[in-house]
């Protein structure tokens, strides 16, 4: 039988890896949003929009958006965008989540 301390530490490492992955996706999301809203290049804005639309359909978008709605994690307009992304995903994909993430 596995030692409870080892099991707990393994769970902490898994949570830490997930948090790091969410942070990396949040950084990409934040950068794409910045390009979409501030770039003077039409091609960059179009590419950022396409990436954001595609990313919004992924499972990783849940964690990235959650990361960006945390206080002080992002500028207000980025947090609003992330909150809207979460709202859209909840409306359309809530049924796809396992019970644990719903809590």
N, C-alpha and C. Protein backbone atom coordinates (compact mmCIF):
# COMPACT_ATOMS: atom_id res chain seq x y z
N UNK A 1 0.85 -1.18 0.00
CA UNK A 1 0.00 0.00 0.00
C UNK A 1 0.89 1.24 0.00
N UNK A 2 0.47 2.25 -0.73
CA UNK A 2 1.25 3.48 -0.85
C UNK A 2 1.16 4.31 0.43
N UNK A 3 2.26 4.91 0.78
CA UNK A 3 2.33 5.77 1.96
C UNK A 3 1.47 7.01 1.73
N UNK A 4 0.63 7.40 2.70
CA UNK A 4 -0.23 8.57 2.53
C UNK A 4 0.55 9.86 2.27
N UNK A 5 1.73 9.98 2.88
CA UNK A 5 2.56 11.18 2.67
C UNK A 5 3.04 11.24 1.23
N UNK A 6 3.48 10.11 0.71
CA UNK A 6 3.94 10.05 -0.68
C UNK A 6 2.78 10.37 -1.62
N UNK A 7 1.61 9.80 -1.33
CA UNK A 7 0.42 10.05 -2.16
C UNK A 7 0.05 11.53 -2.14
N UNK A 8 0.08 12.14 -0.93
CA UNK A 8 -0.26 13.56 -0.80
C UNK A 8 0.75 14.42 -1.55
N UNK A 9 2.02 14.10 -1.42
CA UNK A 9 3.05 14.88 -2.13
C UNK A 9 2.90 14.72 -3.64
N UNK A 10 2.57 13.53 -4.09
CA UNK A 10 2.36 13.31 -5.52
C UNK A 10 1.19 14.17 -6.00
N UNK A 11 0.15 14.24 -5.19
CA UNK A 11 -0.99 15.09 -5.53
C UNK A 11 -0.62 16.55 -5.57
N UNK A 12 0.25 16.97 -4.66
CA UNK A 12 0.71 18.36 -4.65
C UNK A 12 1.53 18.66 -5.89
N UNK A 13 2.38 17.70 -6.30
CA UNK A 13 3.18 17.90 -7.50
C UNK A 13 2.29 17.98 -8.73
N UNK A 14 1.28 17.13 -8.78
CA UNK A 14 0.34 17.18 -9.90
C UNK A 14 -0.38 18.52 -9.93
N UNK A 15 -0.83 18.99 -8.78
CA UNK A 15 -1.50 20.29 -8.72
C UNK A 15 -0.55 21.41 -9.12
N UNK A 16 0.70 21.30 -8.71
CA UNK A 16 1.70 22.31 -9.06
C UNK A 16 1.95 22.32 -10.57
N UNK A 17 2.04 21.13 -11.17
CA UNK A 17 2.23 21.06 -12.63
C UNK A 17 1.03 21.65 -13.37
N UNK A 18 -0.17 21.35 -12.87
CA UNK A 18 -1.37 21.90 -13.51
C UNK A 18 -1.37 23.42 -13.41
N UNK A 19 -1.02 23.94 -12.24
CA UNK A 19 -0.99 25.39 -12.04
C UNK A 19 0.03 26.04 -12.97
N UNK A 20 1.19 25.40 -13.14
CA UNK A 20 2.20 25.94 -14.05
C UNK A 20 1.69 25.92 -15.50
N UNK A 21 0.99 24.85 -15.87
CA UNK A 21 0.43 24.77 -17.22
C UNK A 21 -0.64 25.84 -17.42
N UNK A 22 -1.49 26.03 -16.40
CA UNK A 22 -2.51 27.08 -16.48
C UNK A 22 -1.85 28.45 -16.64
N UNK A 23 -0.78 28.68 -15.89
CA UNK A 23 -0.08 29.96 -15.95
C UNK A 23 0.51 30.19 -17.34
N UNK A 24 1.08 29.14 -17.93
CA UNK A 24 1.65 29.27 -19.28
C UNK A 24 0.56 29.57 -20.30
N UNK A 25 -0.56 28.88 -20.21
CA UNK A 25 -1.67 29.14 -21.13
C UNK A 25 -2.25 30.54 -20.88
N UNK A 26 -2.29 30.96 -19.62
CA UNK A 26 -2.78 32.31 -19.30
C UNK A 26 -1.88 33.37 -19.90
N UNK A 27 -0.58 33.13 -19.89
CA UNK A 27 0.36 34.07 -20.50
C UNK A 27 0.09 34.17 -22.00
N UNK A 28 -0.10 33.04 -22.65
CA UNK A 28 -0.41 33.05 -24.09
C UNK A 28 -1.72 33.78 -24.36
N UNK A 29 -2.71 33.52 -23.52
CA UNK A 29 -4.00 34.18 -23.67
C UNK A 29 -3.86 35.69 -23.50
N UNK A 30 -3.14 36.10 -22.48
CA UNK A 30 -2.92 37.52 -22.22
C UNK A 30 -2.20 38.18 -23.40
N UNK A 31 -1.19 37.52 -23.95
CA UNK A 31 -0.44 38.07 -25.08
C UNK A 31 -1.29 38.15 -26.34
N UNK A 32 -2.09 37.13 -26.59
CA UNK A 32 -2.97 37.16 -27.77
C UNK A 32 -4.01 38.26 -27.63
N UNK A 33 -4.55 38.43 -26.43
CA UNK A 33 -5.52 39.50 -26.21
C UNK A 33 -4.87 40.87 -26.43
N UNK A 34 -3.63 41.03 -25.97
CA UNK A 34 -2.92 42.30 -26.17
C UNK A 34 -2.73 42.58 -27.66
N UNK A 35 -2.37 41.56 -28.42
CA UNK A 35 -2.23 41.75 -29.87
C UNK A 35 -3.57 42.11 -30.50
N UNK A 36 -4.61 41.42 -30.08
CA UNK A 36 -5.93 41.68 -30.64
C UNK A 36 -6.37 43.12 -30.41
N UNK A 37 -6.09 43.64 -29.25
CA UNK A 37 -6.60 44.97 -28.89
C UNK A 37 -5.64 46.12 -29.15
N UNK A 38 -4.34 45.82 -29.30
CA UNK A 38 -3.39 46.93 -29.39
C UNK A 38 -2.50 46.94 -30.62
N UNK A 39 -2.47 45.86 -31.36
CA UNK A 39 -1.58 45.81 -32.51
C UNK A 39 -2.06 46.74 -33.62
N UNK A 40 -1.12 47.39 -34.27
CA UNK A 40 -1.47 48.23 -35.41
C UNK A 40 -1.54 47.41 -36.70
N UNK A 41 -1.11 46.16 -36.62
CA UNK A 41 -1.11 45.29 -37.79
C UNK A 41 -2.42 44.51 -37.89
N UNK A 42 -3.09 44.66 -39.00
CA UNK A 42 -4.33 43.92 -39.24
C UNK A 42 -4.07 42.42 -39.24
N UNK A 43 -2.96 42.00 -39.82
CA UNK A 43 -2.62 40.58 -39.87
C UNK A 43 -2.40 40.02 -38.46
N UNK A 44 -1.73 40.77 -37.60
CA UNK A 44 -1.52 40.32 -36.22
C UNK A 44 -2.84 40.23 -35.46
N UNK A 45 -3.69 41.22 -35.65
CA UNK A 45 -4.99 41.20 -34.97
C UNK A 45 -5.83 40.02 -35.44
N UNK A 46 -5.82 39.76 -36.73
CA UNK A 46 -6.57 38.64 -37.29
C UNK A 46 -6.02 37.31 -36.75
N UNK A 47 -4.69 37.17 -36.74
CA UNK A 47 -4.07 35.93 -36.24
C UNK A 47 -4.38 35.75 -34.74
N UNK A 48 -4.32 36.84 -33.98
CA UNK A 48 -4.62 36.76 -32.55
C UNK A 48 -6.07 36.35 -32.33
N UNK A 49 -6.98 36.92 -33.11
CA UNK A 49 -8.38 36.58 -32.99
C UNK A 49 -8.62 35.10 -33.32
N UNK A 50 -8.00 34.63 -34.39
CA UNK A 50 -8.15 33.22 -34.77
C UNK A 50 -7.62 32.31 -33.67
N UNK A 51 -6.47 32.69 -33.10
CA UNK A 51 -5.91 31.87 -32.02
C UNK A 51 -6.83 31.87 -30.81
N UNK A 52 -7.35 33.04 -30.44
CA UNK A 52 -8.24 33.14 -29.28
C UNK A 52 -9.51 32.32 -29.48
N UNK A 53 -10.09 32.40 -30.65
CA UNK A 53 -11.31 31.63 -30.94
C UNK A 53 -11.01 30.13 -30.86
N UNK A 54 -9.89 29.70 -31.42
CA UNK A 54 -9.52 28.30 -31.35
C UNK A 54 -9.20 27.86 -29.94
N UNK A 55 -8.45 28.69 -29.21
CA UNK A 55 -8.07 28.35 -27.85
C UNK A 55 -9.29 28.26 -26.95
N UNK A 56 -10.27 29.11 -27.17
CA UNK A 56 -11.49 29.10 -26.35
C UNK A 56 -12.21 27.76 -26.40
N UNK A 57 -11.98 27.00 -27.44
CA UNK A 57 -12.64 25.69 -27.60
C UNK A 57 -11.89 24.55 -26.91
N UNK A 58 -10.72 24.84 -26.36
CA UNK A 58 -9.91 23.77 -25.77
C UNK A 58 -10.20 23.59 -24.28
N UNK A 59 -9.83 22.44 -23.77
CA UNK A 59 -9.96 22.18 -22.33
C UNK A 59 -9.02 23.08 -21.54
N UNK A 60 -7.89 23.43 -22.11
CA UNK A 60 -6.92 24.28 -21.42
C UNK A 60 -7.45 25.69 -21.16
N UNK A 61 -8.43 26.11 -21.93
CA UNK A 61 -9.00 27.45 -21.75
C UNK A 61 -9.64 27.62 -20.38
N UNK A 62 -10.18 26.54 -19.81
CA UNK A 62 -10.78 26.63 -18.47
C UNK A 62 -9.76 27.14 -17.46
N UNK A 63 -8.62 26.47 -17.39
CA UNK A 63 -7.60 26.83 -16.40
C UNK A 63 -6.97 28.17 -16.66
N UNK A 64 -6.72 28.48 -17.94
CA UNK A 64 -6.11 29.77 -18.27
C UNK A 64 -7.04 30.92 -17.89
N UNK A 65 -8.30 30.79 -18.21
CA UNK A 65 -9.26 31.85 -17.88
C UNK A 65 -9.42 31.97 -16.37
N UNK A 66 -9.46 30.84 -15.68
CA UNK A 66 -9.56 30.88 -14.22
C UNK A 66 -8.36 31.60 -13.62
N UNK A 67 -7.20 31.35 -14.18
CA UNK A 67 -5.97 32.01 -13.71
C UNK A 67 -6.07 33.53 -13.87
N UNK A 68 -6.64 33.97 -14.97
CA UNK A 68 -6.68 35.41 -15.28
C UNK A 68 -7.78 36.17 -14.54
N UNK A 69 -8.75 35.48 -13.98
CA UNK A 69 -9.78 36.20 -13.23
C UNK A 69 -9.41 36.33 -11.75
N UNK A 70 -8.31 35.75 -11.36
CA UNK A 70 -7.84 35.91 -9.98
C UNK A 70 -7.40 37.36 -9.76
N UNK A 71 -7.64 37.89 -8.58
CA UNK A 71 -7.21 39.28 -8.30
C UNK A 71 -5.72 39.46 -8.56
N UNK A 72 -5.39 40.54 -9.19
CA UNK A 72 -4.02 40.98 -9.50
C UNK A 72 -3.28 40.09 -10.49
N UNK A 73 -3.94 39.16 -11.13
CA UNK A 73 -3.27 38.31 -12.11
C UNK A 73 -3.25 38.96 -13.50
N UNK A 74 -4.16 39.85 -13.75
CA UNK A 74 -4.23 40.43 -15.09
C UNK A 74 -4.87 41.81 -15.02
N UNK A 75 -4.64 42.58 -16.05
CA UNK A 75 -5.29 43.89 -16.16
C UNK A 75 -6.80 43.68 -16.20
N UNK A 76 -7.51 44.70 -15.80
CA UNK A 76 -8.97 44.59 -15.69
C UNK A 76 -9.63 44.12 -16.99
N UNK A 77 -9.20 44.66 -18.12
CA UNK A 77 -9.84 44.27 -19.38
C UNK A 77 -9.53 42.82 -19.75
N UNK A 78 -8.36 42.33 -19.39
CA UNK A 78 -8.02 40.93 -19.64
C UNK A 78 -8.83 40.03 -18.71
N UNK A 79 -8.97 40.44 -17.46
CA UNK A 79 -9.78 39.67 -16.50
C UNK A 79 -11.23 39.60 -16.98
N UNK A 80 -11.73 40.70 -17.52
CA UNK A 80 -13.10 40.72 -18.04
C UNK A 80 -13.22 39.75 -19.23
N UNK A 81 -12.24 39.77 -20.12
CA UNK A 81 -12.24 38.85 -21.26
C UNK A 81 -12.22 37.41 -20.76
N UNK A 82 -11.38 37.12 -19.77
CA UNK A 82 -11.29 35.77 -19.21
C UNK A 82 -12.61 35.37 -18.54
N UNK A 83 -13.23 36.29 -17.83
CA UNK A 83 -14.51 36.00 -17.18
C UNK A 83 -15.57 35.70 -18.24
N UNK A 84 -15.57 36.44 -19.31
CA UNK A 84 -16.52 36.20 -20.40
C UNK A 84 -16.25 34.85 -21.06
N UNK A 85 -14.98 34.49 -21.19
CA UNK A 85 -14.62 33.18 -21.73
C UNK A 85 -15.16 32.07 -20.84
N UNK A 86 -14.97 32.21 -19.53
CA UNK A 86 -15.51 31.22 -18.59
C UNK A 86 -17.03 31.14 -18.69
N UNK A 87 -17.69 32.29 -18.76
CA UNK A 87 -19.15 32.32 -18.88
C UNK A 87 -19.60 31.53 -20.12
N UNK A 88 -18.93 31.78 -21.23
CA UNK A 88 -19.29 31.08 -22.48
C UNK A 88 -19.07 29.58 -22.36
N UNK A 89 -17.94 29.20 -21.76
CA UNK A 89 -17.65 27.77 -21.60
C UNK A 89 -18.64 27.12 -20.65
N UNK A 90 -19.02 27.81 -19.58
CA UNK A 90 -20.00 27.25 -18.65
C UNK A 90 -21.33 27.03 -19.36
N UNK A 91 -21.73 28.00 -20.17
CA UNK A 91 -23.00 27.88 -20.90
C UNK A 91 -22.99 26.71 -21.87
N UNK A 92 -21.86 26.50 -22.54
CA UNK A 92 -21.85 25.52 -23.61
C UNK A 92 -21.18 24.19 -23.28
N UNK A 93 -20.30 24.16 -22.27
CA UNK A 93 -19.51 22.96 -22.03
C UNK A 93 -19.58 22.42 -20.61
N UNK A 94 -20.41 22.98 -19.76
CA UNK A 94 -20.48 22.56 -18.36
C UNK A 94 -20.70 21.05 -18.25
N UNK A 95 -21.55 20.53 -19.10
CA UNK A 95 -21.88 19.10 -19.06
C UNK A 95 -20.68 18.21 -19.37
N UNK A 96 -19.64 18.74 -19.97
CA UNK A 96 -18.49 17.93 -20.33
C UNK A 96 -17.49 17.77 -19.18
N UNK A 97 -17.65 18.56 -18.13
CA UNK A 97 -16.72 18.49 -17.00
C UNK A 97 -17.07 17.33 -16.09
N UNK A 98 -16.04 16.73 -15.53
CA UNK A 98 -16.23 15.72 -14.49
C UNK A 98 -16.77 16.41 -13.25
N UNK A 99 -17.32 15.65 -12.32
CA UNK A 99 -17.90 16.23 -11.11
C UNK A 99 -16.91 17.06 -10.30
N UNK A 100 -15.66 16.61 -10.16
CA UNK A 100 -14.67 17.30 -9.32
C UNK A 100 -14.43 18.76 -9.75
N UNK A 101 -14.19 19.07 -11.03
CA UNK A 101 -13.95 20.46 -11.40
C UNK A 101 -15.18 21.36 -11.25
N UNK A 102 -16.34 20.78 -11.16
CA UNK A 102 -17.56 21.59 -11.02
C UNK A 102 -17.69 22.20 -9.63
N UNK A 103 -16.93 21.69 -8.70
CA UNK A 103 -17.05 22.19 -7.32
C UNK A 103 -16.16 23.34 -7.06
